[in-house]
Amino acid sequence: MRKFLVVLDDSRECLNAMRFAAMRAARTGGGVQILSVIPPDEFNHWIGVGEIMREEARERIHAHFEVFAKWMRDKQGVDPELVIREGEPVPEILSQIREDDEIGVLVLGAGTDKKGPGPLVSQLSRESGSLPVPVTIVPGELSKEKLEAIT
């Protein structure tokens, strides 16, 4: 089965990327893999405090995942899987793609502010020529209706 890999983070544009990935998976018989990357700088504290913060980050990720997963199951009939990695986001995304042969498309949401499309889109665009899968960039301003029409 071909999977759409989508990144779960705290950005607003993540929402449209999730919607797009779920809708495309539902219409093509694919799956959705949701990747969340915990940056290493979140845990540069004493060992005990770092472990507590790591566990809190995982709990927060699971809570966000469940919101998206429920919508995907109920509205799209897609049962997503969650992968949590620790490290720098771009190398971890690339590692996940290389380690899972079923990933067929990376779906990213583009930011809508004047600073640009967001750090993941900017960084991965520079490497797009050597990526092992196509990248779909979903504009953050697309409405749910427009997303439904194009998926």
C-alpha atoms as a PDB file:
ATOM      1  CA  MET A   1       0.000   0.000   0.000  1.00  0.00           C
ATOM      2  CA  ARG A   2       1.252   3.483  -0.812  1.00  0.00           C
ATOM      3  CA  LYS A   3       1.386   5.797   2.188  1.00  0.00           C
ATOM      4  CA  PHE A   4       1.155   9.557   2.312  1.00  0.00           C
ATOM      5  CA  LEU A   5       3.647  10.843   4.888  1.00  0.00           C
ATOM      6  CA  VAL A   6       2.502  14.010   6.620  1.00  0.00           C
ATOM      7  CA  VAL A   7       4.315  15.925   9.353  1.00  0.00           C
ATOM      8  CA  LEU A   8       2.501  16.734  12.585  1.00  0.00           C
ATOM      9  CA  ASP A   9       3.810  19.870  14.264  1.00  0.00           C
ATOM     10  CA  ASP A  10       2.432  22.962  15.947  1.00  0.00           C
ATOM     11  CA  SER A  11       2.081  24.944  12.727  1.00  0.00           C
ATOM     12  CA  ARG A  12      -1.271  26.095  11.389  1.00  0.00           C
ATOM     13  CA  GLU A  13      -0.476  24.822   7.910  1.00  0.00           C
ATOM     14  CA  CYS A  14      -0.243  21.282   9.272  1.00  0.00           C
ATOM     15  CA  LEU A  15      -4.058  21.101   9.255  1.00  0.00           C
ATOM     16  CA  ASN A  16      -4.436  21.398   5.472  1.00  0.00           C
ATOM     17  CA  ALA A  17      -1.608  18.932   4.907  1.00  0.00           C
ATOM     18  CA  MET A  18      -3.417  16.408   7.150  1.00  0.00           C
ATOM     19  CA  ARG A  19      -6.700  16.946   5.335  1.00  0.00           C
ATOM     20  CA  PHE A  20      -5.091  16.590   1.924  1.00  0.00           C
ATOM     21  CA  ALA A  21      -3.192  13.415   2.859  1.00  0.00           C
ATOM     22  CA  ALA A  22      -6.320  11.776   4.304  1.00  0.00           C
ATOM     23  CA  MET A  23      -8.508  12.715   1.345  1.00  0.00           C
ATOM     24  CA  ARG A  24      -5.966  11.494  -1.211  1.00  0.00           C
ATOM     25  CA  ALA A  25      -5.438   8.254   0.715  1.00  0.00           C
ATOM     26  CA  ALA A  26      -9.196   7.665   0.902  1.00  0.00           C
ATOM     27  CA  ARG A  27      -9.648   8.261  -2.826  1.00  0.00           C
ATOM     28  CA  THR A  28      -6.648   6.179  -3.936  1.00  0.00           C
ATOM     29  CA  GLY A  29      -6.794   3.293  -1.464  1.00  0.00           C
ATOM     30  CA  GLY A  30      -3.621   4.409   0.267  1.00  0.00           C
ATOM     31  CA  GLY A  31      -2.653   4.970   3.862  1.00  0.00           C
ATOM     32  CA  VAL A  32      -1.485   7.879   5.965  1.00  0.00           C
ATOM     33  CA  GLN A  33       1.577   7.919   8.160  1.00  0.00           C
ATOM     34  CA  ILE A  34       1.818  10.864  10.529  1.00  0.00           C
ATOM     35  CA  LEU A  35       5.343  11.769  11.601  1.00  0.00           C
ATOM     36  CA  SER A  36       6.125  13.997  14.551  1.00  0.00           C
ATOM     37  CA  VAL A  37       9.710  14.967  15.271  1.00  0.00           C
ATOM     38  CA  ILE A  38      10.808  16.042  18.726  1.00  0.00           C
ATOM     39  CA  PRO A  39      13.788  18.410  18.372  1.00  0.00           C
ATOM     40  CA  PRO A  40      16.764  17.545  20.595  1.00  0.00           C
ATOM     41  CA  ASP A  41      17.073  21.056  22.017  1.00  0.00           C
ATOM     42  CA  GLU A  42      13.858  20.532  23.993  1.00  0.00           C
ATOM     43  CA  PHE A  43      15.747  18.242  26.396  1.00  0.00           C
ATOM     44  CA  ASN A  44      18.980  20.094  27.147  1.00  0.00           C
ATOM     45  CA  HIS A  45      18.254  20.091  30.874  1.00  0.00           C
ATOM     46  CA  TRP A  46      19.221  17.878  33.749  1.00  0.00           C
ATOM     47  CA  ILE A  47      18.647  14.227  32.975  1.00  0.00           C
ATOM     48  CA  GLY A  48      15.536  13.830  35.140  1.00  0.00           C
ATOM     49  CA  VAL A  49      13.909  17.013  33.877  1.00  0.00           C
ATOM     50  CA  GLY A  50      14.763  16.099  30.282  1.00  0.00           C
ATOM     51  CA  GLU A  51      13.050  12.710  30.637  1.00  0.00           C
ATOM     52  CA  ILE A  52       9.912  14.311  32.071  1.00  0.00           C
ATOM     53  CA  MET A  53       9.861  16.857  29.224  1.00  0.00           C
ATOM     54  CA  ARG A  54      10.353  14.086  26.642  1.00  0.00           C
ATOM     55  CA  GLU A  55       7.395  12.150  28.080  1.00  0.00           C
ATOM     56  CA  GLU A  56       5.236  15.292  28.136  1.00  0.00           C
ATOM     57  CA  ALA A  57       6.129  15.967  24.481  1.00  0.00           C
ATOM     58  CA  ARG A  58       5.108  12.412  23.557  1.00  0.00           C
ATOM     59  CA  GLU A  59       1.803  12.764  25.424  1.00  0.00           C
ATOM     60  CA  ARG A  60       1.103  16.060  23.637  1.00  0.00           C
ATOM     61  CA  ILE A  61       1.883  14.442  20.275  1.00  0.00           C
ATOM     62  CA  HIS A  62      -0.421  11.495  21.010  1.00  0.00           C
ATOM     63  CA  ALA A  63      -3.236  13.879  21.991  1.00  0.00           C
ATOM     64  CA  HIS A  64      -2.864  15.889  18.747  1.00  0.00           C
ATOM     65  CA  PHE A  65      -2.602  12.680  16.729  1.00  0.00           C
ATOM     66  CA  GLU A  66      -5.840  11.329  18.202  1.00  0.00           C
ATOM     67  CA  VAL A  67      -7.742  14.440  17.085  1.00  0.00           C
ATOM     68  CA  PHE A  68      -6.543  14.002  13.480  1.00  0.00           C
ATOM     69  CA  ALA A  69      -6.870  10.215  13.581  1.00  0.00           C
ATOM     70  CA  LYS A  70     -10.493  10.373  14.735  1.00  0.00           C
ATOM     71  CA  TRP A  71     -11.371  12.747  11.904  1.00  0.00           C
ATOM     72  CA  MET A  72      -9.540  10.556   9.364  1.00  0.00           C
ATOM     73  CA  ARG A  73     -11.292   7.399  10.564  1.00  0.00           C
ATOM     74  CA  ASP A  74     -14.757   8.951  10.880  1.00  0.00           C
ATOM     75  CA  LYS A  75     -14.805  11.175   7.793  1.00  0.00           C
ATOM     76  CA  GLN A  76     -12.366   9.534   5.372  1.00  0.00           C
ATOM     77  CA  GLY A  77     -12.284   5.872   6.410  1.00  0.00           C
ATOM     78  CA  VAL A  78      -8.484   6.026   6.792  1.00  0.00           C
ATOM     79  CA  ASP A  79      -6.723   4.634   9.858  1.00  0.00           C
ATOM     80  CA  PRO A  80      -3.443   6.563  10.162  1.00  0.00           C
ATOM     81  CA  GLU A  81      -0.319   5.367  11.891  1.00  0.00           C
ATOM     82  CA  LEU A  82       1.830   7.554  14.150  1.00  0.00           C
ATOM     83  CA  VAL A  83       5.616   7.640  14.119  1.00  0.00           C
ATOM     84  CA  ILE A  84       7.553   9.729  16.631  1.00  0.00           C
ATOM     85  CA  ARG A  85      11.227  10.433  16.057  1.00  0.00           C
ATOM     86  CA  GLU A  86      13.731  12.556  17.940  1.00  0.00           C
ATOM     87  CA  GLY A  87      16.271  14.780  16.216  1.00  0.00           C
ATOM     88  CA  GLU A  88      16.401  17.575  13.681  1.00  0.00           C
ATOM     89  CA  PRO A  89      13.202  17.629  11.596  1.00  0.00           C
ATOM     90  CA  VAL A  90      14.550  17.491   8.024  1.00  0.00           C
ATOM     91  CA  PRO A  91      17.069  14.651   8.561  1.00  0.00           C
ATOM     92  CA  GLU A  92      14.438  12.684  10.511  1.00  0.00           C
ATOM     93  CA  ILE A  93      11.850  13.139   7.753  1.00  0.00           C
ATOM     94  CA  LEU A  94      14.357  11.967   5.158  1.00  0.00           C
ATOM     95  CA  SER A  95      15.345   8.982   7.316  1.00  0.00           C
ATOM     96  CA  GLN A  96      11.713   7.975   7.754  1.00  0.00           C
ATOM     97  CA  ILE A  97      11.140   8.091   3.997  1.00  0.00           C
ATOM     98  CA  ARG A  98      14.238   5.998   3.314  1.00  0.00           C
ATOM     99  CA  GLU A  99      13.392   3.449   6.026  1.00  0.00           C
ATOM    100  CA  ASP A 100       9.778   2.851   4.965  1.00  0.00           C
ATOM    101  CA  ASP A 101       9.458   1.608   1.385  1.00  0.00           C
ATOM    102  CA  GLU A 102       5.672   2.051   1.430  1.00  0.00           C
ATOM    103  CA  ILE A 103       5.899   5.854   1.666  1.00  0.00           C
ATOM    104  CA  GLY A 104       5.033   7.178  -1.775  1.00  0.00           C
ATOM    105  CA  VAL A 105       4.430  10.890  -1.224  1.00  0.00           C
ATOM    106  CA  LEU A 106       5.540  13.477   1.326  1.00  0.00           C
ATOM    107  CA  VAL A 107       2.765  15.998   2.052  1.00  0.00           C
ATOM    108  CA  LEU A 108       3.727  19.371   3.537  1.00  0.00           C
ATOM    109  CA  GLY A 109       1.625  22.401   4.383  1.00  0.00           C
ATOM    110  CA  ALA A 110       2.814  25.808   3.213  1.00  0.00           C
ATOM    111  CA  GLY A 111       2.555  28.736   5.600  1.00  0.00           C
ATOM    112  CA  THR A 112       0.597  31.827   4.699  1.00  0.00           C
ATOM    113  CA  ASP A 113       2.601  34.588   6.334  1.00  0.00           C
ATOM    114  CA  LYS A 114       4.990  36.954   4.595  1.00  0.00           C
ATOM    115  CA  LYS A 115       8.065  35.176   5.980  1.00  0.00           C
ATOM    116  CA  GLY A 116       7.676  32.381   3.435  1.00  0.00           C
ATOM    117  CA  PRO A 117       6.173  28.908   3.219  1.00  0.00           C
ATOM    118  CA  GLY A 118       7.736  27.655   6.448  1.00  0.00           C
ATOM    119  CA  PRO A 119      11.036  26.054   7.411  1.00  0.00           C
ATOM    120  CA  LEU A 120      10.213  22.492   6.330  1.00  0.00           C
ATOM    121  CA  VAL A 121       8.979  23.526   2.890  1.00  0.00           C
ATOM    122  CA  SER A 122      11.977  25.827   2.397  1.00  0.00           C
ATOM    123  CA  GLN A 123      14.571  23.284   3.507  1.00  0.00           C
ATOM    124  CA  LEU A 124      13.056  20.306   1.703  1.00  0.00           C
ATOM    125  CA  SER A 125      12.535  22.316  -1.494  1.00  0.00           C
ATOM    126  CA  ARG A 126      16.297  22.830  -1.662  1.00  0.00           C
ATOM    127  CA  GLU A 127      16.766  19.060  -1.548  1.00  0.00           C
ATOM    128  CA  SER A 128      13.809  18.172  -3.768  1.00  0.00           C
ATOM    129  CA  GLY A 129      15.989  16.993  -6.656  1.00  0.00           C
ATOM    130  CA  SER A 130      17.476  14.207  -4.555  1.00  0.00           C
ATOM    131  CA  LEU A 131      14.400  13.163  -2.562  1.00  0.00           C
ATOM    132  CA  PRO A 132      13.330   9.535  -2.990  1.00  0.00           C
ATOM    133  CA  VAL A 133       9.602  10.459  -3.252  1.00  0.00           C
ATOM    134  CA  PRO A 134       7.546  13.311  -4.696  1.00  0.00           C
ATOM    135  CA  VAL A 135       6.578  16.191  -2.427  1.00  0.00           C
ATOM    136  CA  THR A 136       3.108  17.702  -2.421  1.00  0.00           C
ATOM    137  CA  ILE A 137       2.930  21.192  -0.949  1.00  0.00           C
ATOM    138  CA  VAL A 138      -0.555  22.158   0.196  1.00  0.00           C
ATOM    139  CA  PRO A 139      -1.248  25.907   0.423  1.00  0.00           C
ATOM    140  CA  GLY A 140      -2.396  26.937   3.872  1.00  0.00           C
ATOM    141  CA  GLU A 141      -5.153  29.182   2.492  1.00  0.00           C
ATOM    142  CA  LEU A 142      -7.054  26.433   0.662  1.00  0.00           C
ATOM    143  CA  SER A 143     -10.569  25.928   1.966  1.00  0.00           C
ATOM    144  CA  LYS A 144     -11.949  22.506   2.893  1.00  0.00           C
ATOM    145  CA  GLU A 145     -14.211  22.704  -0.167  1.00  0.00           C
ATOM    146  CA  LYS A 146     -11.299  23.422  -2.500  1.00  0.00           C
ATOM    147  CA  LEU A 147      -9.291  20.579  -0.958  1.00  0.00           C
ATOM    148  CA  GLU A 148     -12.194  18.202  -1.512  1.00  0.00           C
ATOM    149  CA  ALA A 149     -12.507  19.331  -5.122  1.00  0.00           C
ATOM    150  CA  ILE A 150      -8.839  18.782  -5.977  1.00  0.00           C
ATOM    151  CA  THR A 151      -8.299  15.503  -4.140  1.00  0.00           C
END
